[in-house]
N, C-alpha and C. Protein backbone atom coordinates (compact mmCIF):
# COMPACT_ATOMS: atom_id res chain seq x y z
N MET A 1 98.64 75.85 117.00
CA MET A 1 99.54 75.98 115.87
C MET A 1 100.97 75.88 116.38
N GLN A 2 101.74 75.07 115.72
CA GLN A 2 103.15 74.90 116.09
C GLN A 2 104.02 75.37 114.92
N ILE A 3 105.02 76.18 115.21
CA ILE A 3 105.99 76.61 114.21
C ILE A 3 107.22 75.74 114.40
N THR A 4 107.65 75.08 113.32
CA THR A 4 108.78 74.17 113.40
C THR A 4 109.59 74.24 112.10
N ALA A 5 110.71 73.56 112.07
CA ALA A 5 111.58 73.56 110.89
C ALA A 5 110.88 72.91 109.70
N LEU A 6 111.05 73.52 108.54
CA LEU A 6 110.56 72.96 107.29
C LEU A 6 111.53 71.87 106.87
N LEU A 7 111.00 70.67 106.72
CA LEU A 7 111.81 69.49 106.37
C LEU A 7 111.42 68.99 104.99
N PRO A 8 112.29 68.20 104.35
CA PRO A 8 111.92 67.62 103.04
C PRO A 8 110.59 66.89 103.06
N ALA A 9 110.23 66.31 104.18
CA ALA A 9 108.95 65.59 104.28
C ALA A 9 107.75 66.52 104.15
N HIS A 10 107.94 67.82 104.38
CA HIS A 10 106.87 68.80 104.25
C HIS A 10 106.70 69.29 102.81
N TRP A 11 107.63 68.93 101.93
CA TRP A 11 107.67 69.55 100.61
C TRP A 11 106.37 69.43 99.83
N SER A 12 105.73 68.30 99.84
CA SER A 12 104.50 68.14 99.06
C SER A 12 103.46 69.17 99.46
N ALA A 13 103.26 69.35 100.75
CA ALA A 13 102.28 70.33 101.23
C ALA A 13 102.76 71.76 100.98
N VAL A 14 104.04 72.01 101.19
CA VAL A 14 104.61 73.33 100.94
C VAL A 14 104.43 73.70 99.47
N LYS A 15 104.71 72.76 98.59
CA LYS A 15 104.58 73.01 97.15
C LYS A 15 103.13 73.30 96.77
N THR A 16 102.20 72.57 97.35
CA THR A 16 100.77 72.81 97.07
C THR A 16 100.36 74.21 97.49
N ILE A 17 100.80 74.65 98.67
CA ILE A 17 100.49 76.00 99.15
C ILE A 17 101.15 77.04 98.25
N TYR A 18 102.37 76.78 97.85
CA TYR A 18 103.10 77.69 96.96
C TYR A 18 102.37 77.81 95.62
N GLU A 19 101.98 76.69 95.05
CA GLU A 19 101.28 76.70 93.77
C GLU A 19 99.95 77.46 93.85
N ALA A 20 99.25 77.34 94.96
CA ALA A 20 98.00 78.09 95.14
C ALA A 20 98.28 79.59 95.16
N GLY A 21 99.36 79.98 95.82
CA GLY A 21 99.75 81.38 95.83
C GLY A 21 100.13 81.87 94.44
N LEU A 22 100.89 81.07 93.71
CA LEU A 22 101.29 81.43 92.35
C LEU A 22 100.07 81.59 91.44
N ALA A 23 99.07 80.75 91.65
CA ALA A 23 97.86 80.78 90.81
C ALA A 23 97.11 82.11 90.94
N THR A 24 97.31 82.84 92.03
CA THR A 24 96.63 84.14 92.19
C THR A 24 97.20 85.18 91.24
N GLY A 25 98.43 84.98 90.79
CA GLY A 25 99.09 85.97 89.94
C GLY A 25 99.64 87.16 90.70
N ASN A 26 99.47 87.17 92.02
CA ASN A 26 99.93 88.31 92.84
C ASN A 26 100.89 87.91 93.95
N ALA A 27 101.50 86.74 93.81
CA ALA A 27 102.40 86.28 94.87
C ALA A 27 103.88 86.32 94.47
N SER A 28 104.18 86.12 93.20
CA SER A 28 105.57 85.98 92.77
C SER A 28 105.68 86.15 91.27
N PHE A 29 106.88 86.42 90.81
CA PHE A 29 107.15 86.40 89.38
C PHE A 29 107.25 84.96 88.87
N GLN A 30 107.46 84.02 89.78
CA GLN A 30 107.48 82.61 89.40
C GLN A 30 106.11 82.22 88.87
N THR A 31 106.09 81.33 87.90
CA THR A 31 104.81 80.87 87.37
C THR A 31 104.56 79.40 87.68
N SER A 32 105.58 78.72 88.19
CA SER A 32 105.41 77.32 88.60
C SER A 32 106.38 77.03 89.74
N ALA A 33 106.02 76.04 90.53
CA ALA A 33 106.87 75.65 91.66
C ALA A 33 108.03 74.80 91.16
N PRO A 34 109.20 74.97 91.74
CA PRO A 34 110.35 74.17 91.34
C PRO A 34 110.31 72.78 91.97
N SER A 35 111.26 71.97 91.62
CA SER A 35 111.45 70.69 92.30
C SER A 35 111.99 70.97 93.70
N TRP A 36 111.91 69.98 94.58
CA TRP A 36 112.49 70.14 95.92
C TRP A 36 113.97 70.49 95.81
N GLU A 37 114.69 69.83 94.94
CA GLU A 37 116.13 70.05 94.82
C GLU A 37 116.44 71.49 94.44
N ASP A 38 115.69 72.03 93.49
CA ASP A 38 115.92 73.42 93.07
C ASP A 38 115.52 74.40 94.17
N TRP A 39 114.39 74.13 94.84
CA TRP A 39 113.95 74.99 95.93
C TRP A 39 114.98 74.98 97.06
N ASP A 40 115.45 73.79 97.40
CA ASP A 40 116.42 73.60 98.47
C ASP A 40 117.71 74.37 98.18
N THR A 41 118.17 74.32 96.96
CA THR A 41 119.39 75.00 96.56
C THR A 41 119.23 76.51 96.61
N ALA A 42 118.07 77.02 96.24
CA ALA A 42 117.84 78.46 96.15
C ALA A 42 117.68 79.14 97.50
N HIS A 43 117.23 78.40 98.52
CA HIS A 43 116.94 79.00 99.82
C HIS A 43 118.06 78.75 100.82
N LEU A 44 118.18 79.66 101.78
CA LEU A 44 119.16 79.47 102.85
C LEU A 44 118.85 78.18 103.59
N ALA A 45 119.88 77.51 104.06
CA ALA A 45 119.71 76.23 104.76
C ALA A 45 119.04 76.41 106.12
N HIS A 46 119.12 77.62 106.67
CA HIS A 46 118.47 77.90 107.96
C HIS A 46 117.22 78.75 107.72
N SER A 47 116.48 78.99 108.76
CA SER A 47 115.31 79.87 108.71
C SER A 47 114.27 79.40 107.70
N ARG A 48 113.99 78.11 107.72
CA ARG A 48 112.93 77.49 106.91
C ARG A 48 111.90 76.97 107.90
N LEU A 49 110.71 77.50 107.83
CA LEU A 49 109.71 77.18 108.85
C LEU A 49 108.39 76.75 108.24
N VAL A 50 107.67 75.91 108.98
CA VAL A 50 106.29 75.58 108.64
C VAL A 50 105.43 75.81 109.87
N ALA A 51 104.18 76.17 109.63
CA ALA A 51 103.17 76.25 110.67
C ALA A 51 102.35 74.97 110.56
N LEU A 52 102.30 74.21 111.64
CA LEU A 52 101.58 72.94 111.65
C LEU A 52 100.35 73.04 112.53
N ASP A 53 99.24 72.59 111.99
CA ASP A 53 98.00 72.41 112.73
C ASP A 53 97.83 70.90 112.85
N GLY A 54 98.32 70.36 113.94
CA GLY A 54 98.43 68.90 114.04
C GLY A 54 99.51 68.46 113.08
N ASP A 55 99.14 67.66 112.09
CA ASP A 55 100.11 67.26 111.07
C ASP A 55 99.84 67.93 109.73
N VAL A 56 98.97 68.94 109.71
CA VAL A 56 98.63 69.67 108.49
C VAL A 56 99.50 70.92 108.39
N VAL A 57 100.14 71.11 107.24
CA VAL A 57 100.93 72.31 107.00
C VAL A 57 99.98 73.44 106.64
N ALA A 58 99.94 74.46 107.51
CA ALA A 58 99.04 75.60 107.32
C ALA A 58 99.73 76.75 106.58
N GLY A 59 101.05 76.73 106.58
CA GLY A 59 101.80 77.78 105.90
C GLY A 59 103.28 77.53 106.04
N TRP A 60 104.07 78.32 105.32
CA TRP A 60 105.52 78.16 105.39
C TRP A 60 106.21 79.49 105.13
N ALA A 61 107.46 79.57 105.55
CA ALA A 61 108.28 80.75 105.34
C ALA A 61 109.72 80.32 105.18
N ALA A 62 110.46 81.04 104.35
CA ALA A 62 111.87 80.73 104.12
C ALA A 62 112.58 81.97 103.62
N LEU A 63 113.91 81.90 103.57
CA LEU A 63 114.72 83.02 103.14
C LEU A 63 115.58 82.65 101.94
N THR A 64 115.76 83.63 101.06
CA THR A 64 116.64 83.50 99.91
C THR A 64 117.72 84.56 100.04
N PRO A 65 118.97 84.21 99.80
CA PRO A 65 120.00 85.25 99.83
C PRO A 65 119.75 86.27 98.72
N VAL A 66 120.02 87.55 98.99
CA VAL A 66 119.80 88.57 97.96
C VAL A 66 121.00 88.70 97.03
N SER A 67 122.14 88.20 97.45
CA SER A 67 123.35 88.32 96.64
C SER A 67 124.36 87.27 97.10
N GLY A 68 125.24 86.90 96.20
CA GLY A 68 126.35 86.01 96.54
C GLY A 68 127.55 86.78 97.06
N ARG A 69 127.50 88.11 97.01
CA ARG A 69 128.62 88.92 97.50
C ARG A 69 128.66 88.87 99.02
N CYS A 70 129.87 88.71 99.57
CA CYS A 70 130.02 88.54 101.02
C CYS A 70 129.50 89.73 101.82
N VAL A 71 129.54 90.94 101.27
CA VAL A 71 129.07 92.11 102.02
C VAL A 71 127.57 92.06 102.28
N TYR A 72 126.85 91.23 101.52
CA TYR A 72 125.41 91.09 101.70
C TYR A 72 125.03 89.76 102.38
N ALA A 73 125.98 89.14 103.04
CA ALA A 73 125.73 87.83 103.66
C ALA A 73 124.62 87.87 104.70
N GLY A 74 124.37 89.02 105.29
CA GLY A 74 123.34 89.16 106.30
C GLY A 74 122.05 89.76 105.80
N VAL A 75 121.84 89.73 104.48
CA VAL A 75 120.63 90.28 103.89
C VAL A 75 119.91 89.16 103.15
N ALA A 76 118.63 88.99 103.45
CA ALA A 76 117.87 87.89 102.84
C ALA A 76 116.46 88.36 102.48
N GLU A 77 115.91 87.71 101.48
CA GLU A 77 114.55 88.01 101.03
C GLU A 77 113.57 87.00 101.60
N VAL A 78 112.45 87.50 102.07
CA VAL A 78 111.42 86.69 102.71
C VAL A 78 110.46 86.10 101.69
N SER A 79 110.15 84.82 101.86
CA SER A 79 109.01 84.17 101.19
C SER A 79 108.11 83.66 102.29
N ILE A 80 106.82 83.97 102.20
CA ILE A 80 105.86 83.49 103.19
C ILE A 80 104.53 83.22 102.49
N TYR A 81 104.00 82.03 102.72
CA TYR A 81 102.76 81.59 102.08
C TYR A 81 101.89 80.89 103.11
N VAL A 82 100.60 81.19 103.07
CA VAL A 82 99.64 80.59 104.00
C VAL A 82 98.56 79.90 103.18
N ASP A 83 98.22 78.69 103.57
CA ASP A 83 97.14 77.95 102.91
C ASP A 83 95.85 78.76 102.98
N ASP A 84 95.10 78.74 101.88
CA ASP A 84 93.84 79.51 101.80
C ASP A 84 92.94 79.28 103.01
N SER A 85 92.83 78.05 103.45
CA SER A 85 91.90 77.72 104.53
C SER A 85 92.36 78.22 105.90
N TYR A 86 93.60 78.73 105.98
CA TYR A 86 94.12 79.24 107.26
C TYR A 86 94.34 80.75 107.25
N ARG A 87 93.99 81.41 106.17
CA ARG A 87 94.19 82.86 106.11
C ARG A 87 93.29 83.57 107.11
N GLY A 88 93.81 84.64 107.68
CA GLY A 88 93.05 85.43 108.65
C GLY A 88 93.02 84.83 110.04
N GLN A 89 93.84 83.81 110.28
CA GLN A 89 93.84 83.14 111.59
C GLN A 89 95.15 83.34 112.36
N GLY A 90 96.00 84.26 111.89
CA GLY A 90 97.24 84.56 112.59
C GLY A 90 98.41 83.68 112.20
N VAL A 91 98.23 82.83 111.21
CA VAL A 91 99.32 81.93 110.78
C VAL A 91 100.47 82.74 110.20
N GLY A 92 100.16 83.70 109.33
CA GLY A 92 101.20 84.54 108.73
C GLY A 92 101.97 85.32 109.78
N LYS A 93 101.25 85.88 110.76
CA LYS A 93 101.92 86.63 111.83
C LYS A 93 102.86 85.73 112.62
N ALA A 94 102.39 84.53 112.97
CA ALA A 94 103.22 83.61 113.75
C ALA A 94 104.46 83.19 112.95
N LEU A 95 104.27 82.89 111.68
CA LEU A 95 105.39 82.49 110.84
C LEU A 95 106.40 83.62 110.68
N LEU A 96 105.92 84.82 110.37
CA LEU A 96 106.83 85.92 110.12
C LEU A 96 107.58 86.31 111.39
N GLN A 97 106.91 86.32 112.52
CA GLN A 97 107.60 86.64 113.77
C GLN A 97 108.67 85.59 114.08
N ALA A 98 108.35 84.31 113.89
CA ALA A 98 109.33 83.25 114.12
C ALA A 98 110.48 83.34 113.13
N LEU A 99 110.18 83.71 111.89
CA LEU A 99 111.22 83.85 110.87
C LEU A 99 112.18 84.99 111.23
N ILE A 100 111.65 86.08 111.72
CA ILE A 100 112.50 87.20 112.14
C ILE A 100 113.41 86.76 113.27
N THR A 101 112.85 86.10 114.27
CA THR A 101 113.65 85.63 115.41
C THR A 101 114.73 84.65 114.96
N GLU A 102 114.35 83.68 114.15
CA GLU A 102 115.29 82.67 113.65
C GLU A 102 116.39 83.32 112.81
N SER A 103 116.01 84.23 111.93
CA SER A 103 117.01 84.86 111.05
C SER A 103 118.03 85.66 111.86
N GLU A 104 117.57 86.37 112.87
CA GLU A 104 118.49 87.13 113.70
C GLU A 104 119.42 86.21 114.48
N ALA A 105 118.92 85.08 114.93
CA ALA A 105 119.77 84.10 115.63
C ALA A 105 120.84 83.55 114.70
N ARG A 106 120.60 83.63 113.39
CA ARG A 106 121.55 83.13 112.39
C ARG A 106 122.38 84.24 111.75
N GLY A 107 122.32 85.45 112.31
CA GLY A 107 123.17 86.54 111.85
C GLY A 107 122.64 87.37 110.71
N ILE A 108 121.37 87.26 110.40
CA ILE A 108 120.78 88.08 109.34
C ILE A 108 120.45 89.46 109.91
N TRP A 109 120.97 90.51 109.29
CA TRP A 109 120.75 91.85 109.80
C TRP A 109 119.68 92.63 109.05
N THR A 110 119.35 92.20 107.84
CA THR A 110 118.29 92.88 107.10
C THR A 110 117.44 91.85 106.35
N LEU A 111 116.14 91.95 106.52
CA LEU A 111 115.19 91.17 105.74
C LEU A 111 114.53 92.11 104.76
N GLN A 112 114.31 91.61 103.56
CA GLN A 112 113.59 92.43 102.58
C GLN A 112 112.50 91.60 101.94
N ALA A 113 111.53 92.30 101.39
CA ALA A 113 110.43 91.65 100.68
C ALA A 113 110.04 92.52 99.49
N GLY A 114 109.81 91.89 98.37
CA GLY A 114 109.30 92.57 97.18
C GLY A 114 107.89 92.06 96.95
N ILE A 115 106.91 92.91 97.13
CA ILE A 115 105.50 92.49 97.12
C ILE A 115 104.74 93.28 96.06
N PHE A 116 103.93 92.57 95.28
CA PHE A 116 103.09 93.25 94.31
C PHE A 116 102.13 94.18 95.05
N PRO A 117 101.90 95.39 94.55
CA PRO A 117 101.01 96.34 95.23
C PRO A 117 99.61 95.79 95.44
N GLU A 118 99.17 94.89 94.57
CA GLU A 118 97.83 94.30 94.68
C GLU A 118 97.71 93.33 95.86
N ASN A 119 98.84 92.86 96.37
CA ASN A 119 98.84 91.88 97.46
C ASN A 119 98.78 92.63 98.80
N THR A 120 97.64 93.25 99.05
CA THR A 120 97.49 94.11 100.23
C THR A 120 97.61 93.34 101.54
N ALA A 121 97.19 92.08 101.57
CA ALA A 121 97.30 91.30 102.80
C ALA A 121 98.77 91.10 103.17
N SER A 122 99.61 90.80 102.20
CA SER A 122 101.03 90.62 102.46
C SER A 122 101.69 91.93 102.87
N LEU A 123 101.31 93.02 102.23
CA LEU A 123 101.85 94.33 102.62
C LEU A 123 101.51 94.64 104.07
N ARG A 124 100.23 94.42 104.45
CA ARG A 124 99.81 94.68 105.84
C ARG A 124 100.57 93.79 106.82
N LEU A 125 100.75 92.51 106.47
CA LEU A 125 101.46 91.58 107.34
C LEU A 125 102.89 92.06 107.59
N HIS A 126 103.60 92.39 106.54
CA HIS A 126 104.98 92.83 106.70
C HIS A 126 105.08 94.14 107.48
N GLU A 127 104.17 95.06 107.22
CA GLU A 127 104.19 96.32 107.97
C GLU A 127 103.86 96.07 109.44
N TRP A 128 102.94 95.16 109.73
CA TRP A 128 102.64 94.78 111.11
C TRP A 128 103.91 94.29 111.82
N ALA A 129 104.76 93.57 111.09
CA ALA A 129 105.98 92.99 111.67
C ALA A 129 107.13 93.99 111.73
N GLY A 130 106.88 95.23 111.34
CA GLY A 130 107.91 96.25 111.46
C GLY A 130 108.72 96.53 110.20
N PHE A 131 108.32 95.96 109.07
CA PHE A 131 108.98 96.28 107.81
C PHE A 131 108.56 97.68 107.40
N ARG A 132 109.47 98.41 106.79
CA ARG A 132 109.15 99.75 106.29
C ARG A 132 109.19 99.72 104.77
N ARG A 133 108.34 100.55 104.18
CA ARG A 133 108.34 100.67 102.72
C ARG A 133 109.54 101.50 102.30
N VAL A 134 110.35 100.92 101.44
CA VAL A 134 111.51 101.63 100.92
C VAL A 134 111.10 102.40 99.66
N GLY A 135 110.26 101.78 98.86
CA GLY A 135 109.79 102.43 97.64
C GLY A 135 109.13 101.44 96.72
N VAL A 136 108.76 101.92 95.55
CA VAL A 136 108.14 101.08 94.54
C VAL A 136 109.13 100.90 93.40
N ARG A 137 109.34 99.66 93.04
CA ARG A 137 110.19 99.35 91.89
C ARG A 137 109.27 99.20 90.69
N GLU A 138 109.24 100.23 89.86
CA GLU A 138 108.29 100.28 88.75
C GLU A 138 108.74 99.39 87.60
N LYS A 139 107.79 98.61 87.10
CA LYS A 139 108.04 97.73 85.96
C LYS A 139 109.35 96.97 86.12
N ILE A 140 109.53 96.35 87.27
CA ILE A 140 110.77 95.66 87.61
C ILE A 140 110.87 94.30 86.92
N GLY A 141 109.74 93.73 86.56
CA GLY A 141 109.75 92.43 85.89
C GLY A 141 108.44 92.17 85.18
N LYS A 142 108.44 91.14 84.38
CA LYS A 142 107.25 90.80 83.60
C LYS A 142 106.74 89.42 83.96
N ILE A 143 105.44 89.29 83.95
CA ILE A 143 104.78 87.98 83.96
C ILE A 143 104.05 87.92 82.64
N GLY A 144 104.49 87.03 81.78
CA GLY A 144 103.94 87.00 80.43
C GLY A 144 104.28 88.30 79.74
N ASP A 145 103.27 88.99 79.23
CA ASP A 145 103.47 90.27 78.55
C ASP A 145 103.22 91.47 79.46
N ARG A 146 102.92 91.22 80.72
CA ARG A 146 102.53 92.29 81.63
C ARG A 146 103.67 92.70 82.55
N TRP A 147 104.06 93.97 82.49
CA TRP A 147 105.04 94.52 83.41
C TRP A 147 104.41 94.66 84.79
N ARG A 148 105.19 94.37 85.82
CA ARG A 148 104.68 94.46 87.18
C ARG A 148 105.59 95.32 88.05
N ASP A 149 104.98 96.06 88.94
CA ASP A 149 105.70 96.82 89.97
C ASP A 149 105.79 95.94 91.21
N THR A 150 106.78 96.24 92.06
CA THR A 150 106.80 95.65 93.39
C THR A 150 107.07 96.75 94.40
N VAL A 151 106.49 96.57 95.57
CA VAL A 151 106.78 97.45 96.70
C VAL A 151 107.94 96.79 97.44
N LEU A 152 109.03 97.52 97.62
CA LEU A 152 110.18 97.01 98.34
C LEU A 152 110.07 97.41 99.80
N LEU A 153 110.09 96.39 100.67
CA LEU A 153 110.04 96.62 102.11
C LEU A 153 111.29 96.01 102.74
N GLU A 154 111.69 96.56 103.88
CA GLU A 154 112.82 95.98 104.60
C GLU A 154 112.64 96.13 106.10
N LYS A 155 113.29 95.23 106.80
CA LYS A 155 113.31 95.28 108.26
C LYS A 155 114.76 95.10 108.70
N ARG A 156 115.28 96.11 109.36
CA ARG A 156 116.64 96.08 109.86
C ARG A 156 116.61 95.57 111.29
N SER A 157 117.44 94.59 111.59
CA SER A 157 117.52 94.05 112.95
C SER A 157 117.99 95.11 113.94
N LYS A 158 117.41 95.06 115.12
CA LYS A 158 117.84 95.95 116.19
C LYS A 158 118.91 95.29 117.06
N THR A 159 119.26 94.02 116.72
CA THR A 159 120.24 93.30 117.55
C THR A 159 121.42 92.76 116.77
N VAL A 160 121.31 92.59 115.47
CA VAL A 160 122.38 91.98 114.67
C VAL A 160 123.04 93.04 113.80
N GLY A 161 124.38 93.01 113.77
CA GLY A 161 125.12 93.88 112.87
C GLY A 161 125.10 95.34 113.25
N LEU A 162 125.02 95.62 114.52
CA LEU A 162 124.98 97.03 114.95
C LEU A 162 126.34 97.67 114.90
């Protein structure tokens, strides 16, 4: 498995993996994948990664800024998705560890993740990588008519912004 930069050429596979995650109902408040242009605009230009098994995209990870305010310039939200056929093979761990390293090299001092409580695999992955549970955001958003909670996790860099 090789972890490398996510490029526009990877978008078709990245979108397919994203859509599969969205279809579970436990990955995001999003209900459909955006266009490449919208996805590209929403995510930080750095710290976009794919896990490649040969030329097959096995998973991806990227960061979204949490705020446009300059005081939060070093805080970003994690997105990480693994293709169903690669789950349980360490792809998520490799991606998340590489994302942490890359984000710190780019000056990010805090990573955060908002995860549905039902998404136990994602919660375990983030906790494995050193994220701590900050709390539960009760009924923070709706999917359709259903209110959803998220578990807020964060990882503070031990090297950036000390």
